[in-house]
Amino acid sequence: MKTAIFEEAGKMQVYDVEKPQLQADDDVIIKVVRACVCGSDLWSYAHGDDKEAHSENSGHEALGIIEEIGSAITTVKPGDFVIVPFTAWLW
């Protein structure tokens, strides 16, 4: 799969990486079909904002399909369409 990595202010790089794996019983893996750009992403892109070089984006705004769920997940199932709003990132 692909991921975008922040390199420095004004520079992002796309890399091929391994697909994530469930690590906890409350994890969910989502196949992102549309991603959104948050204003906080643009702050780092434009100015760096003390963001560490070669770091991941927090990935806190997206639309996708549930691919896998941990054993504690009861509210969604594989195949469900979900919206990942920025407020979910705050938990």
PDB file of N, CA and C in Angstrom:
ATOM      1  N   MET A   1       0.842  -1.166   0.000  1.00  0.00           N
ATOM      2  CA  MET A   1       0.000   0.000   0.000  1.00  0.00           C
ATOM      3  C   MET A   1       0.893   1.237   0.000  1.00  0.00           C
ATOM      4  N   LYS A   2       0.306   2.376  -0.181  1.00  0.00           N
ATOM      5  CA  LYS A   2       1.060   3.629  -0.232  1.00  0.00           C
ATOM      6  C   LYS A   2       0.802   4.459   1.017  1.00  0.00           C
ATOM      7  N   THR A   3       1.802   5.231   1.409  1.00  0.00           N
ATOM      8  CA  THR A   3       1.651   6.188   2.497  1.00  0.00           C
ATOM      9  C   THR A   3       2.413   7.461   2.149  1.00  0.00           C
ATOM     10  N   ALA A   4       1.875   8.594   2.592  1.00  0.00           N
ATOM     11  CA  ALA A   4       2.540   9.874   2.390  1.00  0.00           C
ATOM     12  C   ALA A   4       3.290  10.230   3.667  1.00  0.00           C
ATOM     13  N   ILE A   5       4.552  10.576   3.519  1.00  0.00           N
ATOM     14  CA  ILE A   5       5.417  10.900   4.660  1.00  0.00           C
ATOM     15  C   ILE A   5       5.873  12.356   4.546  1.00  0.00           C
ATOM     16  N   PHE A   6       5.762  13.071   5.658  1.00  0.00           N
ATOM     17  CA  PHE A   6       6.256  14.445   5.746  1.00  0.00           C
ATOM     18  C   PHE A   6       7.775  14.399   5.820  1.00  0.00           C
ATOM     19  N   GLU A   7       8.439  15.056   4.872  1.00  0.00           N
ATOM     20  CA  GLU A   7       9.906  15.109   4.881  1.00  0.00           C
ATOM     21  C   GLU A   7      10.410  16.403   5.509  1.00  0.00           C
ATOM     22  N   GLU A   8       9.845  17.507   5.064  1.00  0.00           N
ATOM     23  CA  GLU A   8      10.192  18.835   5.588  1.00  0.00           C
ATOM     24  C   GLU A   8       9.147  19.801   5.060  1.00  0.00           C
ATOM     25  N   ALA A   9       9.164  21.022   5.575  1.00  0.00           N
ATOM     26  CA  ALA A   9       8.184  22.004   5.106  1.00  0.00           C
ATOM     27  C   ALA A   9       8.206  22.076   3.582  1.00  0.00           C
ATOM     28  N   GLY A  10       7.031  21.913   2.976  1.00  0.00           N
ATOM     29  CA  GLY A  10       6.908  21.985   1.522  1.00  0.00           C
ATOM     30  C   GLY A  10       7.236  20.700   0.786  1.00  0.00           C
ATOM     31  N   LYS A  11       7.556  19.618   1.504  1.00  0.00           N
ATOM     32  CA  LYS A  11       7.955  18.386   0.820  1.00  0.00           C
ATOM     33  C   LYS A  11       7.337  17.147   1.480  1.00  0.00           C
ATOM     34  N   MET A  12       6.582  16.412   0.675  1.00  0.00           N
ATOM     35  CA  MET A  12       6.028  15.117   1.074  1.00  0.00           C
ATOM     36  C   MET A  12       6.602  14.076   0.123  1.00  0.00           C
ATOM     37  N   GLN A  13       6.663  12.834   0.584  1.00  0.00           N
ATOM     38  CA  GLN A  13       7.158  11.737  -0.250  1.00  0.00           C
ATOM     39  C   GLN A  13       6.183  10.575  -0.106  1.00  0.00           C
ATOM     40  N   VAL A  14       5.901   9.887  -1.207  1.00  0.00           N
ATOM     41  CA  VAL A  14       5.021   8.724  -1.165  1.00  0.00           C
ATOM     42  C   VAL A  14       5.877   7.465  -1.181  1.00  0.00           C
ATOM     43  N   TYR A  15       5.585   6.551  -0.251  1.00  0.00           N
ATOM     44  CA  TYR A  15       6.331   5.305  -0.116  1.00  0.00           C
ATOM     45  C   TYR A  15       5.382   4.109  -0.193  1.00  0.00           C
ATOM     46  N   ASP A  16       5.916   2.978  -0.646  1.00  0.00           N
ATOM     47  CA  ASP A  16       5.220   1.708  -0.544  1.00  0.00           C
ATOM     48  C   ASP A  16       5.558   1.121   0.822  1.00  0.00           C
ATOM     49  N   VAL A  17       4.536   0.697   1.557  1.00  0.00           N
ATOM     50  CA  VAL A  17       4.735   0.121   2.885  1.00  0.00           C
ATOM     51  C   VAL A  17       3.876  -1.141   3.035  1.00  0.00           C
ATOM     52  N   GLU A  18       4.183  -1.926   4.050  1.00  0.00           N
ATOM     53  CA  GLU A  18       3.383  -3.117   4.354  1.00  0.00           C
ATOM     54  C   GLU A  18       1.990  -2.702   4.832  1.00  0.00           C
ATOM     55  N   LYS A  19       1.007  -3.510   4.512  1.00  0.00           N
ATOM     56  CA  LYS A  19      -0.342  -3.276   5.015  1.00  0.00           C
ATOM     57  C   LYS A  19      -0.324  -3.427   6.529  1.00  0.00           C
ATOM     58  N   PRO A  20      -1.030  -2.563   7.266  1.00  0.00           N
ATOM     59  CA  PRO A  20      -1.047  -2.688   8.726  1.00  0.00           C
ATOM     60  C   PRO A  20      -1.731  -3.980   9.171  1.00  0.00           C
ATOM     61  N   GLN A  21      -1.414  -4.408  10.366  1.00  0.00           N
ATOM     62  CA  GLN A  21      -2.011  -5.602  10.971  1.00  0.00           C
ATOM     63  C   GLN A  21      -2.733  -5.188  12.252  1.00  0.00           C
ATOM     64  N   LEU A  22      -3.773  -5.919  12.592  1.00  0.00           N
ATOM     65  CA  LEU A  22      -4.431  -5.690  13.877  1.00  0.00           C
ATOM     66  C   LEU A  22      -3.421  -5.945  14.992  1.00  0.00           C
ATOM     67  N   GLN A  23      -3.361  -5.041  15.962  1.00  0.00           N
ATOM     68  CA  GLN A  23      -2.435  -5.197  17.081  1.00  0.00           C
ATOM     69  C   GLN A  23      -3.149  -5.307  18.420  1.00  0.00           C
ATOM     70  N   ALA A  24      -4.380  -4.833  18.487  1.00  0.00           N
ATOM     71  CA  ALA A  24      -5.149  -4.872  19.732  1.00  0.00           C
ATOM     72  C   ALA A  24      -6.577  -5.294  19.418  1.00  0.00           C
ATOM     73  N   ASP A  25      -7.303  -5.737  20.430  1.00  0.00           N
ATOM     74  CA  ASP A  25      -8.659  -6.221  20.182  1.00  0.00           C
ATOM     75  C   ASP A  25      -9.647  -5.114  19.823  1.00  0.00           C
ATOM     76  N   ASP A  26      -9.236  -3.841  20.002  1.00  0.00           N
ATOM     77  CA  ASP A  26     -10.120  -2.743  19.604  1.00  0.00           C
ATOM     78  C   ASP A  26      -9.609  -2.001  18.363  1.00  0.00           C
ATOM     79  N   ASP A  27      -8.726  -2.622  17.609  1.00  0.00           N
ATOM     80  CA  ASP A  27      -8.233  -2.047  16.353  1.00  0.00           C
ATOM     81  C   ASP A  27      -9.216  -2.305  15.208  1.00  0.00           C
ATOM     82  N   VAL A  28      -9.184  -1.417  14.238  1.00  0.00           N
ATOM     83  CA  VAL A  28      -9.949  -1.567  13.004  1.00  0.00           C
ATOM     84  C   VAL A  28      -9.033  -1.187  11.852  1.00  0.00           C
ATOM     85  N   ILE A  29      -9.045  -1.970  10.785  1.00  0.00           N
ATOM     86  CA  ILE A  29      -8.286  -1.620   9.587  1.00  0.00           C
ATOM     87  C   ILE A  29      -9.277  -1.166   8.534  1.00  0.00           C
ATOM     88  N   ILE A  30      -9.039   0.029   8.017  1.00  0.00           N
ATOM     89  CA  ILE A  30      -9.920   0.648   7.036  1.00  0.00           C
ATOM     90  C   ILE A  30      -9.171   0.816   5.727  1.00  0.00           C
ATOM     91  N   LYS A  31      -9.772   0.383   4.629  1.00  0.00           N
ATOM     92  CA  LYS A  31      -9.223   0.664   3.309  1.00  0.00           C
ATOM     93  C   LYS A  31      -9.719   2.056   2.926  1.00  0.00           C
ATOM     94  N   VAL A  32      -8.816   3.014   2.914  1.00  0.00           N
ATOM     95  CA  VAL A  32      -9.186   4.403   2.616  1.00  0.00           C
ATOM     96  C   VAL A  32      -9.467   4.528   1.128  1.00  0.00           C
ATOM     97  N   VAL A  33     -10.655   5.063   0.807  1.00  0.00           N
ATOM     98  CA  VAL A  33     -11.009   5.289  -0.594  1.00  0.00           C
ATOM     99  C   VAL A  33     -10.997   6.772  -0.950  1.00  0.00           C
ATOM    100  N   ARG A  34     -11.121   7.630   0.046  1.00  0.00           N
ATOM    101  CA  ARG A  34     -10.993   9.072  -0.137  1.00  0.00           C
ATOM    102  C   ARG A  34     -10.371   9.648   1.124  1.00  0.00           C
ATOM    103  N   ALA A  35      -9.423  10.525   0.949  1.00  0.00           N
ATOM    104  CA  ALA A  35      -8.789  11.182   2.096  1.00  0.00           C
ATOM    105  C   ALA A  35      -9.033  12.681   2.009  1.00  0.00           C
ATOM    106  N   CYS A  36      -9.066  13.305   3.149  1.00  0.00           N
ATOM    107  CA  CYS A  36      -9.266  14.747   3.225  1.00  0.00           C
ATOM    108  C   CYS A  36      -8.001  15.388   3.786  1.00  0.00           C
ATOM    109  N   VAL A  37      -7.817  16.644   3.496  1.00  0.00           N
ATOM    110  CA  VAL A  37      -6.671  17.371   4.028  1.00  0.00           C
ATOM    111  C   VAL A  37      -7.196  18.351   5.068  1.00  0.00           C
ATOM    112  N   CYS A  38      -6.702  18.214   6.268  1.00  0.00           N
ATOM    113  CA  CYS A  38      -7.093  19.073   7.381  1.00  0.00           C
ATOM    114  C   CYS A  38      -6.186  20.306   7.414  1.00  0.00           C
ATOM    115  N   GLY A  39      -6.695  21.373   7.965  1.00  0.00           N
ATOM    116  CA  GLY A  39      -5.890  22.582   8.104  1.00  0.00           C
ATOM    117  C   GLY A  39      -4.611  22.344   8.882  1.00  0.00           C
ATOM    118  N   SER A  40      -4.655  21.467   9.888  1.00  0.00           N
ATOM    119  CA  SER A  40      -3.442  21.185  10.664  1.00  0.00           C
ATOM    120  C   SER A  40      -2.380  20.516   9.798  1.00  0.00           C
ATOM    121  N   ASP A  41      -2.802  19.721   8.799  1.00  0.00           N
ATOM    122  CA  ASP A  41      -1.842  19.138   7.861  1.00  0.00           C
ATOM    123  C   ASP A  41      -1.155  20.236   7.054  1.00  0.00           C
ATOM    124  N   LEU A  42      -1.925  21.225   6.652  1.00  0.00           N
ATOM    125  CA  LEU A  42      -1.367  22.317   5.840  1.00  0.00           C
ATOM    126  C   LEU A  42      -0.397  23.184   6.635  1.00  0.00           C
ATOM    127  N   TRP A  43      -0.639  23.356   7.937  1.00  0.00           N
ATOM    128  CA  TRP A  43       0.291  24.134   8.757  1.00  0.00           C
ATOM    129  C   TRP A  43       1.671  23.490   8.732  1.00  0.00           C
ATOM    130  N   SER A  44       1.710  22.190   8.955  1.00  0.00           N
ATOM    131  CA  SER A  44       2.996  21.489   8.943  1.00  0.00           C
ATOM    132  C   SER A  44       3.628  21.532   7.562  1.00  0.00           C
ATOM    133  N   TYR A  45       2.817  21.323   6.534  1.00  0.00           N
ATOM    134  CA  TYR A  45       3.351  21.322   5.172  1.00  0.00           C
ATOM    135  C   TYR A  45       3.956  22.687   4.831  1.00  0.00           C
ATOM    136  N   ALA A  46       3.278  23.739   5.204  1.00  0.00           N
ATOM    137  CA  ALA A  46       3.737  25.087   4.843  1.00  0.00           C
ATOM    138  C   ALA A  46       4.933  25.554   5.670  1.00  0.00           C
ATOM    139  N   HIS A  47       4.938  25.244   6.957  1.00  0.00           N
ATOM    140  CA  HIS A  47       5.929  25.841   7.855  1.00  0.00           C
ATOM    141  C   HIS A  47       6.752  24.851   8.668  1.00  0.00           C
ATOM    142  N   GLY A  48       6.386  23.605   8.650  1.00  0.00           N
ATOM    143  CA  GLY A  48       7.100  22.626   9.457  1.00  0.00           C
ATOM    144  C   GLY A  48       6.513  22.454  10.834  1.00  0.00           C
ATOM    145  N   ASP A  49       6.144  23.557  11.483  1.00  0.00           N
ATOM    146  CA  ASP A  49       5.505  23.535  12.802  1.00  0.00           C
ATOM    147  C   ASP A  49       6.133  22.543  13.773  1.00  0.00           C
ATOM    148  N   ASP A  50       7.427  22.475  13.795  1.00  0.00           N
ATOM    149  CA  ASP A  50       8.147  21.565  14.695  1.00  0.00           C
ATOM    150  C   ASP A  50       7.815  20.092  14.461  1.00  0.00           C
ATOM    151  N   LYS A  51       7.296  19.787  13.282  1.00  0.00           N
ATOM    152  CA  LYS A  51       7.008  18.388  12.947  1.00  0.00           C
ATOM    153  C   LYS A  51       8.320  17.703  12.594  1.00  0.00           C
ATOM    154  N   GLU A  52       8.509  16.517  13.137  1.00  0.00           N
ATOM    155  CA  GLU A  52       9.743  15.767  12.922  1.00  0.00           C
ATOM    156  C   GLU A  52       9.872  15.334  11.463  1.00  0.00           C
ATOM    157  N   ALA A  53      11.065  15.472  10.896  1.00  0.00           N
ATOM    158  CA  ALA A  53      11.310  15.036   9.518  1.00  0.00           C
ATOM    159  C   ALA A  53      11.056  13.538   9.387  1.00  0.00           C
ATOM    160  N   HIS A  54      10.583  13.137   8.231  1.00  0.00           N
ATOM    161  CA  HIS A  54      10.294  11.744   7.886  1.00  0.00           C
ATOM    162  C   HIS A  54       9.280  11.131   8.865  1.00  0.00           C
ATOM    163  N   SER A  55       8.198  11.886   9.139  1.00  0.00           N
ATOM    164  CA  SER A  55       7.172  11.405  10.066  1.00  0.00           C
ATOM    165  C   SER A  55       5.841  11.201   9.348  1.00  0.00           C
ATOM    166  N   GLU A  56       5.032  10.342   9.922  1.00  0.00           N
ATOM    167  CA  GLU A  56       3.730  10.040   9.344  1.00  0.00           C
ATOM    168  C   GLU A  56       2.735  11.138   9.646  1.00  0.00           C
ATOM    169  N   ASN A  57       1.736  11.238   8.768  1.00  0.00           N
ATOM    170  CA  ASN A  57       0.584  12.081   9.050  1.00  0.00           C
ATOM    171  C   ASN A  57      -0.302  11.311  10.020  1.00  0.00           C
ATOM    172  N   SER A  58      -1.067  12.016  10.826  1.00  0.00           N
ATOM    173  CA  SER A  58      -1.940  11.349  11.792  1.00  0.00           C
ATOM    174  C   SER A  58      -3.127  10.664  11.127  1.00  0.00           C
ATOM    175  N   GLY A  59      -3.433  10.992   9.878  1.00  0.00           N
ATOM    176  CA  GLY A  59      -4.501  10.309   9.159  1.00  0.00           C
ATOM    177  C   GLY A  59      -5.852  10.447   9.819  1.00  0.00           C
ATOM    178  N   HIS A  60      -6.273  11.668  10.100  1.00  0.00           N
ATOM    179  CA  HIS A  60      -7.484  11.839  10.884  1.00  0.00           C
ATOM    180  C   HIS A  60      -8.691  12.360  10.113  1.00  0.00           C
ATOM    181  N   GLU A  61      -8.716  12.257   8.790  1.00  0.00           N
ATOM    182  CA  GLU A  61      -9.909  12.593   8.016  1.00  0.00           C
ATOM    183  C   GLU A  61      -9.927  11.725   6.767  1.00  0.00           C
ATOM    184  N   ALA A  62     -10.904  10.802   6.697  1.00  0.00           N
ATOM    185  CA  ALA A  62     -10.943   9.882   5.565  1.00  0.00           C
ATOM    186  C   ALA A  62     -12.324   9.237   5.429  1.00  0.00           C
ATOM    187  N   LEU A  63     -12.537   8.610   4.287  1.00  0.00           N
ATOM    188  CA  LEU A  63     -13.709   7.778   4.021  1.00  0.00           C
ATOM    189  C   LEU A  63     -13.174   6.423   3.590  1.00  0.00           C
ATOM    190  N   GLY A  64     -13.812   5.346   4.023  1.00  0.00           N
ATOM    191  CA  GLY A  64     -13.292   4.044   3.630  1.00  0.00           C
ATOM    192  C   GLY A  64     -14.217   2.889   3.926  1.00  0.00           C
ATOM    193  N   ILE A  65     -13.698   1.699   3.671  1.00  0.00           N
ATOM    194  CA  ILE A  65     -14.412   0.444   3.866  1.00  0.00           C
ATOM    195  C   ILE A  65     -13.672  -0.361   4.941  1.00  0.00           C
ATOM    196  N   ILE A  66     -14.405  -0.863   5.921  1.00  0.00           N
ATOM    197  CA  ILE A  66     -13.802  -1.697   6.962  1.00  0.00           C
ATOM    198  C   ILE A  66     -13.292  -2.988   6.334  1.00  0.00           C
ATOM    199  N   GLU A  67     -12.012  -3.297   6.551  1.00  0.00           N
ATOM    200  CA  GLU A  67     -11.430  -4.549   6.057  1.00  0.00           C
ATOM    201  C   GLU A  67     -11.323  -5.602   7.151  1.00  0.00           C
ATOM    202  N   GLU A  68     -10.872  -5.192   8.340  1.00  0.00           N
ATOM    203  CA  GLU A  68     -10.701  -6.135   9.451  1.00  0.00           C
ATOM    204  C   GLU A  68     -11.073  -5.436  10.747  1.00  0.00           C
ATOM    205  N   ILE A  69     -11.543  -6.233  11.708  1.00  0.00           N
ATOM    206  CA  ILE A  69     -11.867  -5.686  13.027  1.00  0.00           C
ATOM    207  C   ILE A  69     -11.286  -6.582  14.111  1.00  0.00           C
ATOM    208  N   GLY A  70     -10.931  -5.960  15.230  1.00  0.00           N
ATOM    209  CA  GLY A  70     -10.486  -6.714  16.394  1.00  0.00           C
ATOM    210  C   GLY A  70     -11.679  -7.342  17.104  1.00  0.00           C
ATOM    211  N   SER A  71     -11.419  -8.260  17.989  1.00  0.00           N
ATOM    212  CA  SER A  71     -12.475  -9.028  18.658  1.00  0.00           C
ATOM    213  C   SER A  71     -13.386  -8.178  19.550  1.00  0.00           C
ATOM    214  N   ALA A  72     -12.937  -7.007  19.996  1.00  0.00           N
ATOM    215  CA  ALA A  72     -13.758  -6.157  20.864  1.00  0.00           C
ATOM    216  C   ALA A  72     -14.682  -5.226  20.083  1.00  0.00           C
ATOM    217  N   ILE A  73     -14.565  -5.187  18.778  1.00  0.00           N
ATOM    218  CA  ILE A  73     -15.362  -4.275  17.960  1.00  0.00           C
ATOM    219  C   ILE A  73     -16.733  -4.887  17.689  1.00  0.00           C
ATOM    220  N   THR A  74     -17.788  -4.148  18.045  1.00  0.00           N
ATOM    221  CA  THR A  74     -19.155  -4.650  17.863  1.00  0.00           C
ATOM    222  C   THR A  74     -20.038  -3.707  17.055  1.00  0.00           C
ATOM    223  N   THR A  75     -19.543  -2.511  16.735  1.00  0.00           N
ATOM    224  CA  THR A  75     -20.396  -1.512  16.089  1.00  0.00           C
ATOM    225  C   THR A  75     -20.244  -1.458  14.575  1.00  0.00           C
ATOM    226  N   VAL A  76     -19.190  -2.034  14.033  1.00  0.00           N
ATOM    227  CA  VAL A  76     -18.985  -2.091  12.585  1.00  0.00           C
ATOM    228  C   VAL A  76     -18.497  -3.484  12.227  1.00  0.00           C
ATOM    229  N   LYS A  77     -18.584  -3.805  10.932  1.00  0.00           N
ATOM    230  CA  LYS A  77     -18.116  -5.110  10.463  1.00  0.00           C
ATOM    231  C   LYS A  77     -17.414  -4.937   9.122  1.00  0.00           C
ATOM    232  N   PRO A  78     -16.597  -5.909   8.725  1.00  0.00           N
ATOM    233  CA  PRO A  78     -15.952  -5.813   7.407  1.00  0.00           C
ATOM    234  C   PRO A  78     -16.990  -5.584   6.310  1.00  0.00           C
ATOM    235  N   GLY A  79     -16.643  -4.661   5.415  1.00  0.00           N
ATOM    236  CA  GLY A  79     -17.539  -4.296   4.322  1.00  0.00           C
ATOM    237  C   GLY A  79     -18.326  -3.025   4.576  1.00  0.00           C
ATOM    238  N   ASP A  80     -18.408  -2.578   5.843  1.00  0.00           N
ATOM    239  CA  ASP A  80     -19.130  -1.344   6.159  1.00  0.00           C
ATOM    240  C   ASP A  80     -18.381  -0.131   5.626  1.00  0.00           C
ATOM    241  N   PHE A  81     -19.132   0.842   5.112  1.00  0.00           N
ATOM    242  CA  PHE A  81     -18.587   2.131   4.694  1.00  0.00           C
ATOM    243  C   PHE A  81     -18.540   3.026   5.922  1.00  0.00           C
ATOM    244  N   VAL A  82     -17.411   3.670   6.174  1.00  0.00           N
ATOM    245  CA  VAL A  82     -17.269   4.523   7.355  1.00  0.00           C
ATOM    246  C   VAL A  82     -16.658   5.873   7.000  1.00  0.00           C
ATOM    247  N   ILE A  83     -16.956   6.837   7.840  1.00  0.00           N
ATOM    248  CA  ILE A  83     -16.367   8.171   7.763  1.00  0.00           C
ATOM    249  C   ILE A  83     -15.492   8.331   8.998  1.00  0.00           C
ATOM    250  N   VAL A  84     -14.252   8.766   8.804  1.00  0.00           N
ATOM    251  CA  VAL A  84     -13.335   8.984   9.916  1.00  0.00           C
ATOM    252  C   VAL A  84     -13.187  10.497  10.083  1.00  0.00           C
ATOM    253  N   PRO A  85     -13.989  11.097  10.969  1.00  0.00           N
ATOM    254  CA  PRO A  85     -13.914  12.547  11.153  1.00  0.00           C
ATOM    255  C   PRO A  85     -12.740  12.938  12.046  1.00  0.00           C
ATOM    256  N   PHE A  86     -12.343  14.174  11.977  1.00  0.00           N
ATOM    257  CA  PHE A  86     -11.204  14.627  12.792  1.00  0.00           C
ATOM    258  C   PHE A  86     -11.479  14.450  14.266  1.00  0.00           C
ATOM    259  N   THR A  87     -12.736  14.448  14.681  1.00  0.00           N
ATOM    260  CA  THR A  87     -13.042  14.298  16.112  1.00  0.00           C
ATOM    261  C   THR A  87     -12.680  12.901  16.613  1.00  0.00           C
ATOM    262  N   ALA A  88     -12.706  11.891  15.781  1.00  0.00           N
ATOM    263  CA  ALA A  88     -12.326  10.536  16.204  1.00  0.00           C
ATOM    264  C   ALA A  88     -10.834  10.473  16.501  1.00  0.00           C
ATOM    265  N   TRP A  89     -10.054  11.290  15.836  1.00  0.00           N
ATOM    266  CA  TRP A  89      -8.608  11.336  16.039  1.00  0.00           C
ATOM    267  C   TRP A  89      -8.259  11.835  17.438  1.00  0.00           C
ATOM    268  N   LEU A  90      -9.136  12.604  18.039  1.00  0.00           N
ATOM    269  CA  LEU A  90      -8.861  13.195  19.347  1.00  0.00           C
ATOM    270  C   LEU A  90      -9.002  12.217  20.498  1.00  0.00           C
ATOM    271  N   TRP A  91      -9.569  11.048  20.285  1.00  0.00           N
ATOM    272  CA  TRP A  91      -9.800  10.106  21.383  1.00  0.00           C
ATOM    273  C   TRP A  91      -8.570   9.446  21.789  1.00  0.00           C
TER     274      TRP A  91
END
